[in-house]
C-alpha atoms as a PDB file:
ATOM      1  CA  UNK A   1     -52.449-141.276 -11.533  1.00  0.00           C
ATOM      2  CA  UNK A   2     -52.755-138.249 -13.746  1.00  0.00           C
ATOM      3  CA  UNK A   3     -56.335-137.149 -14.554  1.00  0.00           C
ATOM      4  CA  UNK A   4     -57.687-137.290 -18.036  1.00  0.00           C
ATOM      5  CA  UNK A   5     -57.027-134.052 -19.959  1.00  0.00           C
ATOM      6  CA  UNK A   6     -54.735-132.686 -17.227  1.00  0.00           C
ATOM      7  CA  UNK A   7     -51.554-131.086 -18.603  1.00  0.00           C
ATOM      8  CA  UNK A   8     -48.334-131.787 -16.799  1.00  0.00           C
ATOM      9  CA  UNK A   9     -44.978-130.165 -17.414  1.00  0.00           C
ATOM     10  CA  UNK A  10     -42.305-132.889 -17.763  1.00  0.00           C
ATOM     11  CA  UNK A  11     -38.692-133.003 -18.782  1.00  0.00           C
ATOM     12  CA  UNK A  12     -37.111-135.443 -21.214  1.00  0.00           C
ATOM     13  CA  UNK A  13     -33.419-136.230 -20.821  1.00  0.00           C
ATOM     14  CA  UNK A  14     -31.363-138.521 -22.961  1.00  0.00           C
ATOM     15  CA  UNK A  15     -27.517-138.465 -23.114  1.00  0.00           C
ATOM     16  CA  UNK A  16     -26.689-134.744 -23.723  1.00  0.00           C
ATOM     17  CA  UNK A  17     -30.194-133.790 -24.774  1.00  0.00           C
ATOM     18  CA  UNK A  18     -32.836-132.248 -22.508  1.00  0.00           C
ATOM     19  CA  UNK A  19     -36.010-130.337 -23.119  1.00  0.00           C
ATOM     20  CA  UNK A  20     -39.315-129.680 -21.351  1.00  0.00           C
ATOM     21  CA  UNK A  21     -42.590-130.893 -22.737  1.00  0.00           C
ATOM     22  CA  UNK A  22     -46.263-130.757 -21.832  1.00  0.00           C
ATOM     23  CA  UNK A  23     -47.885-134.145 -21.433  1.00  0.00           C
ATOM     24  CA  UNK A  24     -51.628-134.776 -21.784  1.00  0.00           C
ATOM     25  CA  UNK A  25     -53.314-138.136 -21.255  1.00  0.00           C
ATOM     26  CA  UNK A  26     -56.538-138.453 -23.240  1.00  0.00           C
ATOM     27  CA  UNK A  27     -58.821-140.903 -24.985  1.00  0.00           C
ATOM     28  CA  UNK A  28     -56.689-141.878 -28.010  1.00  0.00           C
ATOM     29  CA  UNK A  29     -54.923-144.957 -29.382  1.00  0.00           C
ATOM     30  CA  UNK A  30     -51.495-143.608 -30.227  1.00  0.00           C
ATOM     31  CA  UNK A  31     -48.839-141.247 -28.829  1.00  0.00           C
ATOM     32  CA  UNK A  32     -48.338-137.973 -30.695  1.00  0.00           C
ATOM     33  CA  UNK A  33     -45.723-135.251 -30.365  1.00  0.00           C
ATOM     34  CA  UNK A  34     -45.846-131.676 -31.631  1.00  0.00           C
ATOM     35  CA  UNK A  35     -43.345-128.801 -31.811  1.00  0.00           C
ATOM     36  CA  UNK A  36     -44.864-125.326 -32.037  1.00  0.00           C
ATOM     37  CA  UNK A  37     -43.581-122.018 -33.385  1.00  0.00           C
ATOM     38  CA  UNK A  38     -42.453-120.878 -29.897  1.00  0.00           C
ATOM     39  CA  UNK A  39     -40.337-124.094 -29.830  1.00  0.00           C
ATOM     40  CA  UNK A  40     -42.476-125.615 -27.060  1.00  0.00           C
ATOM     41  CA  UNK A  41     -43.122-129.409 -27.203  1.00  0.00           C
ATOM     42  CA  UNK A  42     -46.390-131.184 -26.404  1.00  0.00           C
ATOM     43  CA  UNK A  43     -47.003-134.932 -26.105  1.00  0.00           C
ATOM     44  CA  UNK A  44     -50.466-136.540 -26.151  1.00  0.00           C
ATOM     45  CA  UNK A  45     -50.765-140.156 -25.028  1.00  0.00           C
ATOM     46  CA  UNK A  46     -53.506-142.725 -24.299  1.00  0.00           C
ATOM     47  CA  UNK A  47     -55.030-142.692 -20.823  1.00  0.00           C
ATOM     48  CA  UNK A  48     -53.291-145.937 -19.758  1.00  0.00           C
ATOM     49  CA  UNK A  49     -49.957-145.280 -21.412  1.00  0.00           C
ATOM     50  CA  UNK A  50     -46.977-146.243 -19.199  1.00  0.00           C
ATOM     51  CA  UNK A  51     -44.274-143.698 -18.543  1.00  0.00           C
ATOM     52  CA  UNK A  52     -41.541-145.875 -20.058  1.00  0.00           C
ATOM     53  CA  UNK A  53     -43.650-146.223 -23.198  1.00  0.00           C
ATOM     54  CA  UNK A  54     -44.037-142.444 -23.508  1.00  0.00           C
ATOM     55  CA  UNK A  55     -40.358-141.920 -22.834  1.00  0.00           C
ATOM     56  CA  UNK A  56     -39.375-144.481 -25.483  1.00  0.00           C
ATOM     57  CA  UNK A  57     -41.613-142.755 -28.046  1.00  0.00           C
ATOM     58  CA  UNK A  58     -40.044-139.348 -27.342  1.00  0.00           C
ATOM     59  CA  UNK A  59     -36.594-140.861 -27.581  1.00  0.00           C
ATOM     60  CA  UNK A  60     -37.459-142.197 -31.057  1.00  0.00           C
ATOM     61  CA  UNK A  61     -38.535-138.654 -32.064  1.00  0.00           C
ATOM     62  CA  UNK A  62     -35.575-136.719 -30.559  1.00  0.00           C
ATOM     63  CA  UNK A  63     -33.941-135.812 -33.905  1.00  0.00           C
ATOM     64  CA  UNK A  64     -37.328-134.774 -35.287  1.00  0.00           C
ATOM     65  CA  UNK A  65     -37.980-132.531 -32.288  1.00  0.00           C
ATOM     66  CA  UNK A  66     -34.593-130.888 -32.418  1.00  0.00           C
ATOM     67  CA  UNK A  67     -34.885-130.382 -36.159  1.00  0.00           C
ATOM     68  CA  UNK A  68     -38.189-128.537 -35.781  1.00  0.00           C
ATOM     69  CA  UNK A  69     -37.000-126.459 -32.804  1.00  0.00           C
ATOM     70  CA  UNK A  70     -33.987-125.371 -34.818  1.00  0.00           C
ATOM     71  CA  UNK A  71     -36.256-124.511 -37.755  1.00  0.00           C
ATOM     72  CA  UNK A  72     -38.366-122.210 -35.624  1.00  0.00           C
ATOM     73  CA  UNK A  73     -35.305-120.766 -33.861  1.00  0.00           C
ATOM     74  CA  UNK A  74     -34.001-119.542 -37.208  1.00  0.00           C
ATOM     75  CA  UNK A  75     -36.879-117.023 -37.559  1.00  0.00           C
ATOM     76  CA  UNK A  76     -35.943-113.450 -36.636  1.00  0.00           C
ATOM     77  CA  UNK A  77     -38.240-112.333 -33.798  1.00  0.00           C
ATOM     78  CA  UNK A  78     -40.522-109.481 -34.611  1.00  0.00           C
ATOM     79  CA  UNK A  79     -39.906-106.230 -32.738  1.00  0.00           C
ATOM     80  CA  UNK A  80     -42.841-105.029 -30.601  1.00  0.00           C
ATOM     81  CA  UNK A  81     -45.135-102.508 -32.237  1.00  0.00           C
ATOM     82  CA  UNK A  82     -45.185 -98.898 -31.004  1.00  0.00           C
ATOM     83  CA  UNK A  83     -48.612 -98.170 -32.588  1.00  0.00           C
ATOM     84  CA  UNK A  84     -47.577 -94.855 -34.116  1.00  0.00           C
ATOM     85  CA  UNK A  85     -48.010 -93.346 -37.572  1.00  0.00           C
ATOM     86  CA  UNK A  86     -45.593 -94.692 -40.161  1.00  0.00           C
ATOM     87  CA  UNK A  87     -45.354 -98.257 -38.842  1.00  0.00           C
ATOM     88  CA  UNK A  88     -46.183-101.194 -41.100  1.00  0.00           C
ATOM     89  CA  UNK A  89     -49.084-103.494 -40.215  1.00  0.00           C
ATOM     90  CA  UNK A  90     -49.986-106.649 -42.118  1.00  0.00           C
ATOM     91  CA  UNK A  91     -53.435-107.539 -43.311  1.00  0.00           C
ATOM     92  CA  UNK A  92     -54.285-110.457 -45.660  1.00  0.00           C
ATOM     93  CA  UNK A  93     -50.639-110.850 -46.651  1.00  0.00           C
ATOM     94  CA  UNK A  94     -49.880-107.219 -47.435  1.00  0.00           C
ATOM     95  CA  UNK A  95     -48.171-104.399 -45.556  1.00  0.00           C
ATOM     96  CA  UNK A  96     -50.068-101.176 -44.840  1.00  0.00           C
ATOM     97  CA  UNK A  97     -48.751 -97.931 -43.366  1.00  0.00           C
ATOM     98  CA  UNK A  98     -50.433 -96.962 -40.137  1.00  0.00           C
ATOM     99  CA  UNK A  99     -51.804 -93.438 -39.830  1.00  0.00           C
ATOM    100  CA  UNK A 100     -53.276 -92.224 -36.521  1.00  0.00           C
ATOM    101  CA  UNK A 101     -55.665 -89.319 -36.896  1.00  0.00           C
ATOM    102  CA  UNK A 102     -57.827 -87.387 -34.477  1.00  0.00           C
ATOM    103  CA  UNK A 103     -61.597 -87.504 -34.617  1.00  0.00           C
ATOM    104  CA  UNK A 104     -64.277 -85.947 -32.423  1.00  0.00           C
ATOM    105  CA  UNK A 105     -67.158 -87.904 -33.938  1.00  0.00           C
ATOM    106  CA  UNK A 106     -66.639 -91.651 -34.203  1.00  0.00           C
ATOM    107  CA  UNK A 107     -63.597 -93.849 -33.477  1.00  0.00           C
ATOM    108  CA  UNK A 108     -62.995 -96.256 -36.357  1.00  0.00           C
ATOM    109  CA  UNK A 109     -60.393 -97.930 -38.560  1.00  0.00           C
ATOM    110  CA  UNK A 110     -60.354 -97.426 -42.309  1.00  0.00           C
ATOM    111  CA  UNK A 111     -58.279 -99.370 -44.860  1.00  0.00           C
ATOM    112  CA  UNK A 112     -57.866 -97.373 -48.063  1.00  0.00           C
ATOM    113  CA  UNK A 113     -55.222 -96.894 -50.743  1.00  0.00           C
ATOM    114  CA  UNK A 114     -52.432 -98.726 -48.955  1.00  0.00           C
ATOM    115  CA  UNK A 115     -53.022 -96.996 -45.667  1.00  0.00           C
ATOM    116  CA  UNK A 116     -54.511 -98.264 -42.418  1.00  0.00           C
ATOM    117  CA  UNK A 117     -55.991 -95.214 -40.706  1.00  0.00           C
ATOM    118  CA  UNK A 118     -57.033 -95.255 -37.091  1.00  0.00           C
ATOM    119  CA  UNK A 119     -59.407 -92.378 -36.166  1.00  0.00           C
ATOM    120  CA  UNK A 120     -59.103 -91.905 -32.416  1.00  0.00           C
ATOM    121  CA  UNK A 121     -60.289 -89.508 -29.732  1.00  0.00           C
ATOM    122  CA  UNK A 122     -56.829 -89.745 -28.166  1.00  0.00           C
ATOM    123  CA  UNK A 123     -54.129 -89.946 -30.868  1.00  0.00           C
ATOM    124  CA  UNK A 124     -51.242 -89.868 -28.356  1.00  0.00           C
ATOM    125  CA  UNK A 125     -52.713 -92.777 -26.360  1.00  0.00           C
ATOM    126  CA  UNK A 126     -50.969 -95.780 -27.928  1.00  0.00           C
ATOM    127  CA  UNK A 127     -52.910 -98.347 -25.914  1.00  0.00           C
ATOM    128  CA  UNK A 128     -56.151 -96.916 -27.347  1.00  0.00           C
ATOM    129  CA  UNK A 129     -54.727 -97.127 -30.864  1.00  0.00           C
ATOM    130  CA  UNK A 130     -53.844-100.741 -30.241  1.00  0.00           C
ATOM    131  CA  UNK A 131     -57.308-101.481 -28.863  1.00  0.00           C
ATOM    132  CA  UNK A 132     -59.052 -99.924 -31.872  1.00  0.00           C
ATOM    133  CA  UNK A 133     -56.750-101.770 -34.259  1.00  0.00           C
ATOM    134  CA  UNK A 134     -57.129-105.118 -32.424  1.00  0.00           C
ATOM    135  CA  UNK A 135     -60.919-104.777 -32.493  1.00  0.00           C
ATOM    136  CA  UNK A 136     -60.801-104.066 -36.216  1.00  0.00           C
ATOM    137  CA  UNK A 137     -58.596-107.131 -36.838  1.00  0.00           C
ATOM    138  CA  UNK A 138     -61.030-109.251 -34.840  1.00  0.00           C
ATOM    139  CA  UNK A 139     -64.035-108.049 -36.808  1.00  0.00           C
ATOM    140  CA  UNK A 140     -62.304-108.684 -40.137  1.00  0.00           C
ATOM    141  CA  UNK A 141     -61.106-112.102 -38.948  1.00  0.00           C
ATOM    142  CA  UNK A 142     -64.568-113.241 -37.912  1.00  0.00           C
ATOM    143  CA  UNK A 143     -66.104-112.289 -41.270  1.00  0.00           C
ATOM    144  CA  UNK A 144     -63.281-113.674 -43.452  1.00  0.00           C
ATOM    145  CA  UNK A 145     -62.572-116.854 -41.474  1.00  0.00           C
ATOM    146  CA  UNK A 146     -66.267-117.751 -41.501  1.00  0.00           C
ATOM    147  CA  UNK A 147     -66.430-117.283 -45.249  1.00  0.00           C
ATOM    148  CA  UNK A 148     -63.273-119.331 -45.881  1.00  0.00           C
ATOM    149  CA  UNK A 149     -64.489-122.085 -43.516  1.00  0.00           C
ATOM    150  CA  UNK A 150     -67.631-122.462 -45.614  1.00  0.00           C
ATOM    151  CA  UNK A 151     -65.580-122.676 -48.811  1.00  0.00           C
ATOM    152  CA  UNK A 152     -63.035-125.148 -47.446  1.00  0.00           C
ATOM    153  CA  UNK A 153     -65.668-127.327 -45.723  1.00  0.00           C
ATOM    154  CA  UNK A 154     -67.428-127.810 -49.065  1.00  0.00           C
ATOM    155  CA  UNK A 155     -64.311-129.612 -50.347  1.00  0.00           C
ATOM    156  CA  UNK A 156     -64.916-132.353 -47.734  1.00  0.00           C
ATOM    157  CA  UNK A 157     -68.698-132.748 -48.385  1.00  0.00           C
ATOM    158  CA  UNK A 158     -69.405-132.521 -44.678  1.00  0.00           C
ATOM    159  CA  UNK A 159     -72.945-133.001 -43.445  1.00  0.00           C
ATOM    160  CA  UNK A 160     -72.320-130.487 -40.669  1.00  0.00           C
ATOM    161  CA  UNK A 161     -69.384-128.034 -41.051  1.00  0.00           C
ATOM    162  CA  UNK A 162     -67.536-127.424 -37.751  1.00  0.00           C
ATOM    163  CA  UNK A 163     -68.190-124.370 -35.606  1.00  0.00           C
ATOM    164  CA  UNK A 164     -65.616-121.641 -35.529  1.00  0.00           C
ATOM    165  CA  UNK A 165     -63.733-119.976 -32.686  1.00  0.00           C
ATOM    166  CA  UNK A 166     -61.029-117.319 -32.941  1.00  0.00           C
ATOM    167  CA  UNK A 167     -58.436-116.719 -30.242  1.00  0.00           C
ATOM    168  CA  UNK A 168     -54.974-115.319 -29.688  1.00  0.00           C
ATOM    169  CA  UNK A 169     -52.623-118.322 -29.524  1.00  0.00           C
ATOM    170  CA  UNK A 170     -48.922-118.242 -28.950  1.00  0.00           C
ATOM    171  CA  UNK A 171     -48.031-121.828 -29.941  1.00  0.00           C
ATOM    172  CA  UNK A 172     -50.252-122.889 -32.853  1.00  0.00           C
ATOM    173  CA  UNK A 173     -52.119-121.592 -35.926  1.00  0.00           C
ATOM    174  CA  UNK A 174     -55.224-123.720 -35.414  1.00  0.00           C
ATOM    175  CA  UNK A 175     -56.761-126.709 -33.735  1.00  0.00           C
ATOM    176  CA  UNK A 176     -59.743-129.033 -34.120  1.00  0.00           C
ATOM    177  CA  UNK A 177     -61.778-130.501 -31.275  1.00  0.00           C
ATOM    178  CA  UNK A 178     -63.650-133.705 -32.059  1.00  0.00           C
ATOM    179  CA  UNK A 179     -65.531-133.329 -28.775  1.00  0.00           C
ATOM    180  CA  UNK A 180     -67.110-129.974 -29.761  1.00  0.00           C
ATOM    181  CA  UNK A 181     -66.689-130.329 -33.526  1.00  0.00           C
ATOM    182  CA  UNK A 182     -65.065-126.911 -33.535  1.00  0.00           C
ATOM    183  CA  UNK A 183     -62.069-125.380 -35.335  1.00  0.00           C
ATOM    184  CA  UNK A 184     -60.209-122.713 -33.467  1.00  0.00           C
ATOM    185  CA  UNK A 185     -57.987-120.315 -35.504  1.00  0.00           C
ATOM    186  CA  UNK A 186     -55.223-117.994 -34.381  1.00  0.00           C
ATOM    187  CA  UNK A 187     -56.312-114.371 -34.722  1.00  0.00           C
ATOM    188  CA  UNK A 188     -52.906-113.548 -36.240  1.00  0.00           C
ATOM    189  CA  UNK A 189     -53.903-115.513 -39.380  1.00  0.00           C
ATOM    190  CA  UNK A 190     -55.851-112.428 -40.486  1.00  0.00           C
ATOM    191  CA  UNK A 191     -52.409-110.965 -41.213  1.00  0.00           C
ATOM    192  CA  UNK A 192     -51.575-113.564 -43.820  1.00  0.00           C
ATOM    193  CA  UNK A 193     -53.076-114.249 -47.242  1.00  0.00           C
ATOM    194  CA  UNK A 194     -56.307-116.131 -47.986  1.00  0.00           C
ATOM    195  CA  UNK A 195     -54.386-119.066 -49.451  1.00  0.00           C
ATOM    196  CA  UNK A 196     -52.543-119.526 -46.171  1.00  0.00           C
ATOM    197  CA  UNK A 197     -55.775-119.172 -44.146  1.00  0.00           C
ATOM    198  CA  UNK A 198     -57.249-121.883 -46.393  1.00  0.00           C
ATOM    199  CA  UNK A 199     -54.217-124.108 -45.824  1.00  0.00           C
ATOM    200  CA  UNK A 200     -54.708-123.993 -42.022  1.00  0.00           C
ATOM    201  CA  UNK A 201     -58.438-124.574 -42.380  1.00  0.00           C
ATOM    202  CA  UNK A 202     -57.881-127.580 -44.638  1.00  0.00           C
ATOM    203  CA  UNK A 203     -55.267-128.924 -42.243  1.00  0.00           C
ATOM    204  CA  UNK A 204     -57.749-128.787 -39.398  1.00  0.00           C
ATOM    205  CA  UNK A 205     -60.597-130.160 -41.537  1.00  0.00           C
ATOM    206  CA  UNK A 206     -58.395-133.201 -42.314  1.00  0.00           C
ATOM    207  CA  UNK A 207     -58.293-133.878 -38.532  1.00  0.00           C
ATOM    208  CA  UNK A 208     -62.052-134.589 -38.651  1.00  0.00           C
ATOM    209  CA  UNK A 209     -61.132-137.830 -40.451  1.00  0.00           C
ATOM    210  CA  UNK A 210     -57.631-138.436 -39.045  1.00  0.00           C
ATOM    211  CA  UNK A 211     -56.902-137.226 -35.515  1.00  0.00           C
ATOM    212  CA  UNK A 212     -53.151-137.917 -35.653  1.00  0.00           C
ATOM    213  CA  UNK A 213     -50.505-136.629 -38.019  1.00  0.00           C
ATOM    214  CA  UNK A 214     -50.012-139.984 -39.626  1.00  0.00           C
ATOM    215  CA  UNK A 215     -49.556-141.083 -43.241  1.00  0.00           C
ATOM    216  CA  UNK A 216     -53.270-141.162 -43.849  1.00  0.00           C
ATOM    217  CA  UNK A 217     -53.579-137.610 -42.583  1.00  0.00           C
ATOM    218  CA  UNK A 218     -50.818-136.276 -44.858  1.00  0.00           C
ATOM    219  CA  UNK A 219     -52.203-138.224 -47.817  1.00  0.00           C
ATOM    220  CA  UNK A 220     -55.557-136.470 -47.328  1.00  0.00           C
ATOM    221  CA  UNK A 221     -53.921-133.110 -46.814  1.00  0.00           C
ATOM    222  CA  UNK A 222     -51.827-133.599 -49.974  1.00  0.00           C
ATOM    223  CA  UNK A 223     -54.921-134.496 -51.949  1.00  0.00           C
ATOM    224  CA  UNK A 224     -56.547-131.177 -51.063  1.00  0.00           C
ATOM    225  CA  UNK A 225     -53.417-129.068 -50.955  1.00  0.00           C
ATOM    226  CA  UNK A 226     -50.454-130.718 -52.802  1.00  0.00           C
ATOM    227  CA  UNK A 227     -48.377-127.577 -52.147  1.00  0.00           C
ATOM    228  CA  UNK A 228     -48.971-127.642 -48.371  1.00  0.00           C
ATOM    229  CA  UNK A 229     -45.252-127.775 -47.478  1.00  0.00           C
ATOM    230  CA  UNK A 230     -44.554-124.577 -49.436  1.00  0.00           C
ATOM    231  CA  UNK A 231     -47.609-122.896 -47.892  1.00  0.00           C
ATOM    232  CA  UNK A 232     -46.460-123.906 -44.391  1.00  0.00           C
ATOM    233  CA  UNK A 233     -42.992-122.397 -44.981  1.00  0.00           C
ATOM    234  CA  UNK A 234     -44.439-119.183 -46.409  1.00  0.00           C
ATOM    235  CA  UNK A 235     -46.904-118.849 -43.544  1.00  0.00           C
ATOM    236  CA  UNK A 236     -44.194-119.234 -40.876  1.00  0.00           C
ATOM    237  CA  UNK A 237     -41.866-116.797 -42.635  1.00  0.00           C
ATOM    238  CA  UNK A 238     -44.671-114.251 -42.914  1.00  0.00           C
ATOM    239  CA  UNK A 239     -46.022-114.357 -39.386  1.00  0.00           C
ATOM    240  CA  UNK A 240     -42.925-115.316 -37.356  1.00  0.00           C
ATOM    241  CA  UNK A 241     -40.390-112.984 -38.918  1.00  0.00           C
ATOM    242  CA  UNK A 242     -42.420-110.566 -41.054  1.00  0.00           C
ATOM    243  CA  UNK A 243     -40.709-111.586 -44.304  1.00  0.00           C
END
């Protein structure tokens, strides 16, 4: 028997359709399926769910899974950054030209007049430029995400707003853990606008009341952000293809 919380890689096959998915058994009442921006699929099921029950649920969602995988596949993959002067870097929904300049005093990053300037001891060392820029992004993210979490939490009249964690994630924009009462946000969200950061926060705050993506969840989300579908599309276009 699979242990609670253990993630197992499985394969779903039906007629001419086949795809891998990650299965997790946990304390919950219903089966849920998710497709993430990297086109990966996860399935969460109750601890005592039978394999045929899980398979039947996935079969009922096949068209939905393929539709979302195709949606994410249409995004043009972003080319890797070289971390050299002249490149564009996004911050809060806007593009800024990178300038790498030498300093002998203090390494730092300065955002001013449409330019993101990295002052470095070693201007030719691209890994150092990346490190300085990543650290700056992380500092800005912590300050801004904390502030937006306080604003968005007030909409829900919570007695205790959730804690915040920030990580690099390849398959999701955010998550909420009822066990730790913590929202985790993707660091890349610092590159999009505040309205899209708020959309993700509100999405995760809705999970405090409704764990699954059911009708009640989307009703609550629509009440707080009626335009959530447009915001979702804009966010994906911005961060997945740089549009």
